[in-house]
Amino acid sequence: MNENDQLKTMSKWMIALAWLLVLGLLTLYFSDILEKQRNPNRVVKTHAHSDGTREVVLQRNRSGHYRTDLTSSNSVKK
């Protein structure tokens, strides 16, 4: 193999690697957007009333469901 063939081979691999990197970054970006649409209540907000009661306010997702992933390890934001 001469030097020109080696450069062509290396450039093909670099282009393939660049495309894989771009696809990976786009996947991360759009998966975050889709997760925000699926669960708009990742941080649950509460409102404290003057009588001491607290109200949890949830937003509907695109399907019309009220969804949250609140577990005992998550804290409710005031």
PDB file of N, CA and C in Angstrom:
ATOM      1  N   MET A   1       0.835  -1.175   0.000  1.00  0.00           N
ATOM      2  CA  MET A   1       0.000   0.000   0.000  1.00  0.00           C
ATOM      3  C   MET A   1       0.884   1.242   0.000  1.00  0.00           C
ATOM      4  N   ASN A   2       0.548   2.147  -0.840  1.00  0.00           N
ATOM      5  CA  ASN A   2       1.325   3.388  -0.828  1.00  0.00           C
ATOM      6  C   ASN A   2       0.708   4.397   0.136  1.00  0.00           C
ATOM      7  N   GLU A   3       1.343   5.522   0.283  1.00  0.00           N
ATOM      8  CA  GLU A   3       0.907   6.534   1.261  1.00  0.00           C
ATOM      9  C   GLU A   3      -0.463   7.101   0.922  1.00  0.00           C
ATOM     10  N   ASN A   4      -0.767   7.254  -0.360  1.00  0.00           N
ATOM     11  CA  ASN A   4      -2.052   7.797  -0.789  1.00  0.00           C
ATOM     12  C   ASN A   4      -3.197   6.856  -0.404  1.00  0.00           C
ATOM     13  N   ASP A   5      -3.000   5.563  -0.547  1.00  0.00           N
ATOM     14  CA  ASP A   5      -4.026   4.597  -0.163  1.00  0.00           C
ATOM     15  C   ASP A   5      -4.236   4.592   1.349  1.00  0.00           C
ATOM     16  N   GLN A   6      -3.148   4.744   2.101  1.00  0.00           N
ATOM     17  CA  GLN A   6      -3.264   4.794   3.554  1.00  0.00           C
ATOM     18  C   GLN A   6      -4.052   6.027   4.002  1.00  0.00           C
ATOM     19  N   LEU A   7      -3.823   7.155   3.355  1.00  0.00           N
ATOM     20  CA  LEU A   7      -4.567   8.370   3.696  1.00  0.00           C
ATOM     21  C   LEU A   7      -6.045   8.225   3.373  1.00  0.00           C
ATOM     22  N   LYS A   8      -6.354   7.592   2.243  1.00  0.00           N
ATOM     23  CA  LYS A   8      -7.764   7.374   1.885  1.00  0.00           C
ATOM     24  C   LYS A   8      -8.444   6.464   2.902  1.00  0.00           C
ATOM     25  N   THR A   9      -7.763   5.414   3.297  1.00  0.00           N
ATOM     26  CA  THR A   9      -8.329   4.490   4.281  1.00  0.00           C
ATOM     27  C   THR A   9      -8.536   5.183   5.619  1.00  0.00           C
ATOM     28  N   MET A  10      -7.546   5.956   6.045  1.00  0.00           N
ATOM     29  CA  MET A  10      -7.650   6.668   7.311  1.00  0.00           C
ATOM     30  C   MET A  10      -8.766   7.710   7.260  1.00  0.00           C
ATOM     31  N   SER A  11      -8.908   8.393   6.139  1.00  0.00           N
ATOM     32  CA  SER A  11      -9.957   9.413   6.040  1.00  0.00           C
ATOM     33  C   SER A  11     -11.341   8.777   6.061  1.00  0.00           C
ATOM     34  N   LYS A  12     -11.502   7.598   5.458  1.00  0.00           N
ATOM     35  CA  LYS A  12     -12.794   6.898   5.508  1.00  0.00           C
ATOM     36  C   LYS A  12     -13.149   6.527   6.950  1.00  0.00           C
ATOM     37  N   TRP A  13     -12.160   6.042   7.711  1.00  0.00           N
ATOM     38  CA  TRP A  13     -12.414   5.695   9.103  1.00  0.00           C
ATOM     39  C   TRP A  13     -12.735   6.934   9.942  1.00  0.00           C
ATOM     40  N   MET A  14     -12.073   8.023   9.675  1.00  0.00           N
ATOM     41  CA  MET A  14     -12.340   9.254  10.437  1.00  0.00           C
ATOM     42  C   MET A  14     -13.724   9.809  10.115  1.00  0.00           C
ATOM     43  N   ILE A  15     -14.133   9.713   8.867  1.00  0.00           N
ATOM     44  CA  ILE A  15     -15.477  10.168   8.495  1.00  0.00           C
ATOM     45  C   ILE A  15     -16.529   9.276   9.152  1.00  0.00           C
ATOM     46  N   ALA A  16     -16.309   7.968   9.136  1.00  0.00           N
ATOM     47  CA  ALA A  16     -17.247   7.054   9.785  1.00  0.00           C
ATOM     48  C   ALA A  16     -17.320   7.337  11.282  1.00  0.00           C
ATOM     49  N   LEU A  17     -16.194   7.578  11.914  1.00  0.00           N
ATOM     50  CA  LEU A  17     -16.167   7.892  13.341  1.00  0.00           C
ATOM     51  C   LEU A  17     -16.884   9.215  13.637  1.00  0.00           C
ATOM     52  N   ALA A  18     -16.703  10.198  12.760  1.00  0.00           N
ATOM     53  CA  ALA A  18     -17.373  11.491  12.935  1.00  0.00           C
ATOM     54  C   ALA A  18     -18.887  11.316  12.827  1.00  0.00           C
ATOM     55  N   TRP A  19     -19.349  10.512  11.868  1.00  0.00           N
ATOM     56  CA  TRP A  19     -20.788  10.271  11.733  1.00  0.00           C
ATOM     57  C   TRP A  19     -21.340   9.547  12.957  1.00  0.00           C
ATOM     58  N   LEU A  20     -20.614   8.571  13.463  1.00  0.00           N
ATOM     59  CA  LEU A  20     -21.062   7.880  14.670  1.00  0.00           C
ATOM     60  C   LEU A  20     -21.141   8.830  15.859  1.00  0.00           C
ATOM     61  N   LEU A  21     -20.184   9.722  15.969  1.00  0.00           N
ATOM     62  CA  LEU A  21     -20.193  10.704  17.045  1.00  0.00           C
ATOM     63  C   LEU A  21     -21.389  11.652  16.915  1.00  0.00           C
ATOM     64  N   VAL A  22     -21.654  12.119  15.707  1.00  0.00           N
ATOM     65  CA  VAL A  22     -22.799  13.008  15.472  1.00  0.00           C
ATOM     66  C   VAL A  22     -24.107  12.287  15.781  1.00  0.00           C
ATOM     67  N   LEU A  23     -24.248  11.047  15.327  1.00  0.00           N
ATOM     68  CA  LEU A  23     -25.465  10.286  15.612  1.00  0.00           C
ATOM     69  C   LEU A  23     -25.638  10.041  17.109  1.00  0.00           C
ATOM     70  N   GLY A  24     -24.542   9.757  17.801  1.00  0.00           N
ATOM     71  CA  GLY A  24     -24.617   9.555  19.242  1.00  0.00           C
ATOM     72  C   GLY A  24     -25.041  10.813  19.979  1.00  0.00           C
ATOM     73  N   LEU A  25     -24.484  11.951  19.605  1.00  0.00           N
ATOM     74  CA  LEU A  25     -24.857  13.213  20.247  1.00  0.00           C
ATOM     75  C   LEU A  25     -26.304  13.597  19.961  1.00  0.00           C
ATOM     76  N   LEU A  26     -26.746  13.384  18.721  1.00  0.00           N
ATOM     77  CA  LEU A  26     -28.144  13.667  18.388  1.00  0.00           C
ATOM     78  C   LEU A  26     -29.093  12.742  19.153  1.00  0.00           C
ATOM     79  N   THR A  27     -28.711  11.499  19.334  1.00  0.00           N
ATOM     80  CA  THR A  27     -29.529  10.568  20.099  1.00  0.00           C
ATOM     81  C   THR A  27     -29.665  11.030  21.539  1.00  0.00           C
ATOM     82  N   LEU A  28     -28.565  11.448  22.148  1.00  0.00           N
ATOM     83  CA  LEU A  28     -28.624  11.951  23.524  1.00  0.00           C
ATOM     84  C   LEU A  28     -29.506  13.190  23.623  1.00  0.00           C
ATOM     85  N   TYR A  29     -29.358  14.103  22.676  1.00  0.00           N
ATOM     86  CA  TYR A  29     -30.118  15.348  22.705  1.00  0.00           C
ATOM     87  C   TYR A  29     -31.613  15.077  22.567  1.00  0.00           C
ATOM     88  N   PHE A  30     -31.994  14.290  21.571  1.00  0.00           N
ATOM     89  CA  PHE A  30     -33.413  14.069  21.335  1.00  0.00           C
ATOM     90  C   PHE A  30     -34.038  13.119  22.348  1.00  0.00           C
ATOM     91  N   SER A  31     -33.267  12.223  22.937  1.00  0.00           N
ATOM     92  CA  SER A  31     -33.840  11.368  23.983  1.00  0.00           C
ATOM     93  C   SER A  31     -34.194  12.200  25.201  1.00  0.00           C
ATOM     94  N   ASP A  32     -33.406  13.240  25.498  1.00  0.00           N
ATOM     95  CA  ASP A  32     -33.730  14.133  26.613  1.00  0.00           C
ATOM     96  C   ASP A  32     -35.005  14.923  26.318  1.00  0.00           C
ATOM     97  N   ILE A  33     -35.145  15.396  25.090  1.00  0.00           N
ATOM     98  CA  ILE A  33     -36.359  16.129  24.707  1.00  0.00           C
ATOM     99  C   ILE A  33     -37.581  15.220  24.814  1.00  0.00           C
ATOM    100  N   LEU A  34     -37.470  13.989  24.328  1.00  0.00           N
ATOM    101  CA  LEU A  34     -38.596  13.056  24.403  1.00  0.00           C
ATOM    102  C   LEU A  34     -38.935  12.703  25.845  1.00  0.00           C
ATOM    103  N   GLU A  35     -37.934  12.579  26.700  1.00  0.00           N
ATOM    104  CA  GLU A  35     -38.192  12.293  28.105  1.00  0.00           C
ATOM    105  C   GLU A  35     -38.915  13.462  28.776  1.00  0.00           C
ATOM    106  N   LYS A  36     -38.565  14.690  28.413  1.00  0.00           N
ATOM    107  CA  LYS A  36     -39.265  15.850  28.971  1.00  0.00           C
ATOM    108  C   LYS A  36     -40.722  15.884  28.519  1.00  0.00           C
ATOM    109  N   GLN A  37     -40.998  15.446  27.300  1.00  0.00           N
ATOM    110  CA  GLN A  37     -42.379  15.387  26.828  1.00  0.00           C
ATOM    111  C   GLN A  37     -43.144  14.262  27.518  1.00  0.00           C
ATOM    112  N   ARG A  38     -42.468  13.132  27.747  1.00  0.00           N
ATOM    113  CA  ARG A  38     -43.119  11.991  28.379  1.00  0.00           C
ATOM    114  C   ARG A  38     -43.401  12.257  29.853  1.00  0.00           C
ATOM    115  N   ASN A  39     -42.470  12.923  30.524  1.00  0.00           N
ATOM    116  CA  ASN A  39     -42.617  13.202  31.950  1.00  0.00           C
ATOM    117  C   ASN A  39     -42.234  14.649  32.233  1.00  0.00           C
ATOM    118  N   PRO A  40     -43.191  15.574  32.117  1.00  0.00           N
ATOM    119  CA  PRO A  40     -42.873  16.978  32.392  1.00  0.00           C
ATOM    120  C   PRO A  40     -42.717  17.275  33.885  1.00  0.00           C
ATOM    121  N   ASN A  41     -42.980  16.305  34.742  1.00  0.00           N
ATOM    122  CA  ASN A  41     -42.927  16.514  36.195  1.00  0.00           C
ATOM    123  C   ASN A  41     -41.715  15.840  36.814  1.00  0.00           C
ATOM    124  N   ARG A  42     -40.557  16.014  36.201  1.00  0.00           N
ATOM    125  CA  ARG A  42     -39.351  15.407  36.771  1.00  0.00           C
ATOM    126  C   ARG A  42     -39.008  16.065  38.099  1.00  0.00           C
ATOM    127  N   VAL A  43     -39.316  17.327  38.241  1.00  0.00           N
ATOM    128  CA  VAL A  43     -39.181  18.030  39.519  1.00  0.00           C
ATOM    129  C   VAL A  43     -40.588  18.442  39.934  1.00  0.00           C
ATOM    130  N   VAL A  44     -41.089  17.810  40.980  1.00  0.00           N
ATOM    131  CA  VAL A  44     -42.452  18.074  41.441  1.00  0.00           C
ATOM    132  C   VAL A  44     -42.465  19.355  42.251  1.00  0.00           C
ATOM    133  N   LYS A  45     -43.422  20.221  41.950  1.00  0.00           N
ATOM    134  CA  LYS A  45     -43.541  21.503  42.653  1.00  0.00           C
ATOM    135  C   LYS A  45     -44.753  21.466  43.568  1.00  0.00           C
ATOM    136  N   THR A  46     -44.609  22.053  44.747  1.00  0.00           N
ATOM    137  CA  THR A  46     -45.719  22.143  45.680  1.00  0.00           C
ATOM    138  C   THR A  46     -45.974  23.604  46.020  1.00  0.00           C
ATOM    139  N   HIS A  47     -47.195  23.857  46.430  1.00  0.00           N
ATOM    140  CA  HIS A  47     -47.576  25.184  46.897  1.00  0.00           C
ATOM    141  C   HIS A  47     -48.097  25.032  48.323  1.00  0.00           C
ATOM    142  N   ALA A  48     -47.568  25.834  49.242  1.00  0.00           N
ATOM    143  CA  ALA A  48     -48.029  25.824  50.625  1.00  0.00           C
ATOM    144  C   ALA A  48     -49.105  26.887  50.778  1.00  0.00           C
ATOM    145  N   HIS A  49     -50.213  26.489  51.362  1.00  0.00           N
ATOM    146  CA  HIS A  49     -51.318  27.414  51.604  1.00  0.00           C
ATOM    147  C   HIS A  49     -51.226  27.979  53.010  1.00  0.00           C
ATOM    148  N   SER A  50     -51.976  29.035  53.255  1.00  0.00           N
ATOM    149  CA  SER A  50     -51.918  29.706  54.554  1.00  0.00           C
ATOM    150  C   SER A  50     -52.445  28.831  55.691  1.00  0.00           C
ATOM    151  N   ASP A  51     -53.286  27.853  55.379  1.00  0.00           N
ATOM    152  CA  ASP A  51     -53.807  26.975  56.431  1.00  0.00           C
ATOM    153  C   ASP A  51     -52.878  25.799  56.726  1.00  0.00           C
ATOM    154  N   GLY A  52     -51.707  25.763  56.097  1.00  0.00           N
ATOM    155  CA  GLY A  52     -50.720  24.731  56.381  1.00  0.00           C
ATOM    156  C   GLY A  52     -50.759  23.540  55.432  1.00  0.00           C
ATOM    157  N   THR A  53     -51.736  23.487  54.571  1.00  0.00           N
ATOM    158  CA  THR A  53     -51.792  22.365  53.631  1.00  0.00           C
ATOM    159  C   THR A  53     -50.856  22.625  52.449  1.00  0.00           C
ATOM    160  N   ARG A  54     -50.428  21.556  51.834  1.00  0.00           N
ATOM    161  CA  ARG A  54     -49.546  21.667  50.677  1.00  0.00           C
ATOM    162  C   ARG A  54     -50.248  21.046  49.478  1.00  0.00           C
ATOM    163  N   GLU A  55     -50.113  21.694  48.352  1.00  0.00           N
ATOM    164  CA  GLU A  55     -50.748  21.229  47.126  1.00  0.00           C
ATOM    165  C   GLU A  55     -49.664  20.876  46.109  1.00  0.00           C
ATOM    166  N   VAL A  56     -49.759  19.681  45.531  1.00  0.00           N
ATOM    167  CA  VAL A  56     -48.834  19.246  44.492  1.00  0.00           C
ATOM    168  C   VAL A  56     -49.467  19.587  43.148  1.00  0.00           C
ATOM    169  N   VAL A  57     -48.722  20.286  42.305  1.00  0.00           N
ATOM    170  CA  VAL A  57     -49.225  20.686  40.997  1.00  0.00           C
ATOM    171  C   VAL A  57     -48.471  19.898  39.933  1.00  0.00           C
ATOM    172  N   LEU A  58     -49.221  19.131  39.132  1.00  0.00           N
ATOM    173  CA  LEU A  58     -48.624  18.330  38.071  1.00  0.00           C
ATOM    174  C   LEU A  58     -49.064  18.839  36.709  1.00  0.00           C
ATOM    175  N   GLN A  59     -48.194  18.691  35.725  1.00  0.00           N
ATOM    176  CA  GLN A  59     -48.536  19.032  34.344  1.00  0.00           C
ATOM    177  C   GLN A  59     -48.843  17.749  33.593  1.00  0.00           C
ATOM    178  N   ARG A  60     -49.776  17.839  32.644  1.00  0.00           N
ATOM    179  CA  ARG A  60     -50.089  16.680  31.808  1.00  0.00           C
ATOM    180  C   ARG A  60     -49.006  16.491  30.771  1.00  0.00           C
ATOM    181  N   ASN A  61     -48.755  15.233  30.405  1.00  0.00           N
ATOM    182  CA  ASN A  61     -47.843  14.996  29.294  1.00  0.00           C
ATOM    183  C   ASN A  61     -48.632  15.034  27.988  1.00  0.00           C
ATOM    184  N   ARG A  62     -47.993  14.767  26.870  1.00  0.00           N
ATOM    185  CA  ARG A  62     -48.651  14.867  25.566  1.00  0.00           C
ATOM    186  C   ARG A  62     -49.798  13.878  25.415  1.00  0.00           C
ATOM    187  N   SER A  63     -49.773  12.785  26.180  1.00  0.00           N
ATOM    188  CA  SER A  63     -50.843  11.787  26.121  1.00  0.00           C
ATOM    189  C   SER A  63     -52.015  12.152  27.013  1.00  0.00           C
ATOM    190  N   GLY A  64     -51.881  13.227  27.776  1.00  0.00           N
ATOM    191  CA  GLY A  64     -52.950  13.641  28.675  1.00  0.00           C
ATOM    192  C   GLY A  64     -52.859  13.009  30.055  1.00  0.00           C
ATOM    193  N   HIS A  65     -51.762  12.325  30.350  1.00  0.00           N
ATOM    194  CA  HIS A  65     -51.597  11.669  31.637  1.00  0.00           C
ATOM    195  C   HIS A  65     -50.773  12.546  32.565  1.00  0.00           C
ATOM    196  N   TYR A  66     -51.026  12.394  33.863  1.00  0.00           N
ATOM    197  CA  TYR A  66     -50.249  13.092  34.882  1.00  0.00           C
ATOM    198  C   TYR A  66     -49.236  12.097  35.420  1.00  0.00           C
ATOM    199  N   ARG A  67     -47.975  12.302  35.113  1.00  0.00           N
ATOM    200  CA  ARG A  67     -46.947  11.322  35.438  1.00  0.00           C
ATOM    201  C   ARG A  67     -45.823  11.990  36.228  1.00  0.00           C
ATOM    202  N   THR A  68     -45.315  11.250  37.209  1.00  0.00           N
ATOM    203  CA  THR A  68     -44.136  11.690  37.928  1.00  0.00           C
ATOM    204  C   THR A  68     -43.352  10.462  38.353  1.00  0.00           C
ATOM    205  N   ASP A  69     -42.073  10.591  38.490  1.00  0.00           N
ATOM    206  CA  ASP A  69     -41.222   9.498  38.937  1.00  0.00           C
ATOM    207  C   ASP A  69     -40.790   9.731  40.373  1.00  0.00           C
ATOM    208  N   LEU A  70     -41.647  10.312  41.179  1.00  0.00           N
ATOM    209  CA  LEU A  70     -41.327  10.633  42.563  1.00  0.00           C
ATOM    210  C   LEU A  70     -41.202   9.351  43.373  1.00  0.00           C
ATOM    211  N   THR A  71     -40.048   9.156  43.974  1.00  0.00           N
ATOM    212  CA  THR A  71     -39.806   8.018  44.862  1.00  0.00           C
ATOM    213  C   THR A  71     -39.345   8.552  46.202  1.00  0.00           C
ATOM    214  N   SER A  72     -39.081   7.676  47.120  1.00  0.00           N
ATOM    215  CA  SER A  72     -38.658   8.137  48.450  1.00  0.00           C
ATOM    216  C   SER A  72     -37.296   8.809  48.428  1.00  0.00           C
ATOM    217  N   SER A  73     -36.482   8.520  47.400  1.00  0.00           N
ATOM    218  CA  SER A  73     -35.169   9.146  47.343  1.00  0.00           C
ATOM    219  C   SER A  73     -35.231  10.551  46.726  1.00  0.00           C
ATOM    220  N   ASN A  74     -36.305  10.863  45.992  1.00  0.00           N
ATOM    221  CA  ASN A  74     -36.471  12.194  45.418  1.00  0.00           C
ATOM    222  C   ASN A  74     -37.099  13.105  46.452  1.00  0.00           C
ATOM    223  N   SER A  75     -36.768  14.370  46.384  1.00  0.00           N
ATOM    224  CA  SER A  75     -37.392  15.322  47.304  1.00  0.00           C
ATOM    225  C   SER A  75     -38.331  16.226  46.518  1.00  0.00           C
ATOM    226  N   VAL A  76     -39.376  16.653  47.187  1.00  0.00           N
ATOM    227  CA  VAL A  76     -40.343  17.560  46.576  1.00  0.00           C
ATOM    228  C   VAL A  76     -39.826  18.980  46.718  1.00  0.00           C
ATOM    229  N   LYS A  77     -39.790  19.715  45.609  1.00  0.00           N
ATOM    230  CA  LYS A  77     -39.319  21.105  45.636  1.00  0.00           C
ATOM    231  C   LYS A  77     -40.453  22.005  46.061  1.00  0.00           C
ATOM    232  N   LYS A  78     -40.143  22.937  46.926  1.00  0.00           N
ATOM    233  CA  LYS A  78     -41.154  23.878  47.409  1.00  0.00           C
ATOM    234  C   LYS A  78     -41.209  25.093  46.531  1.00  0.00           C
TER     235      LYS A  78
END
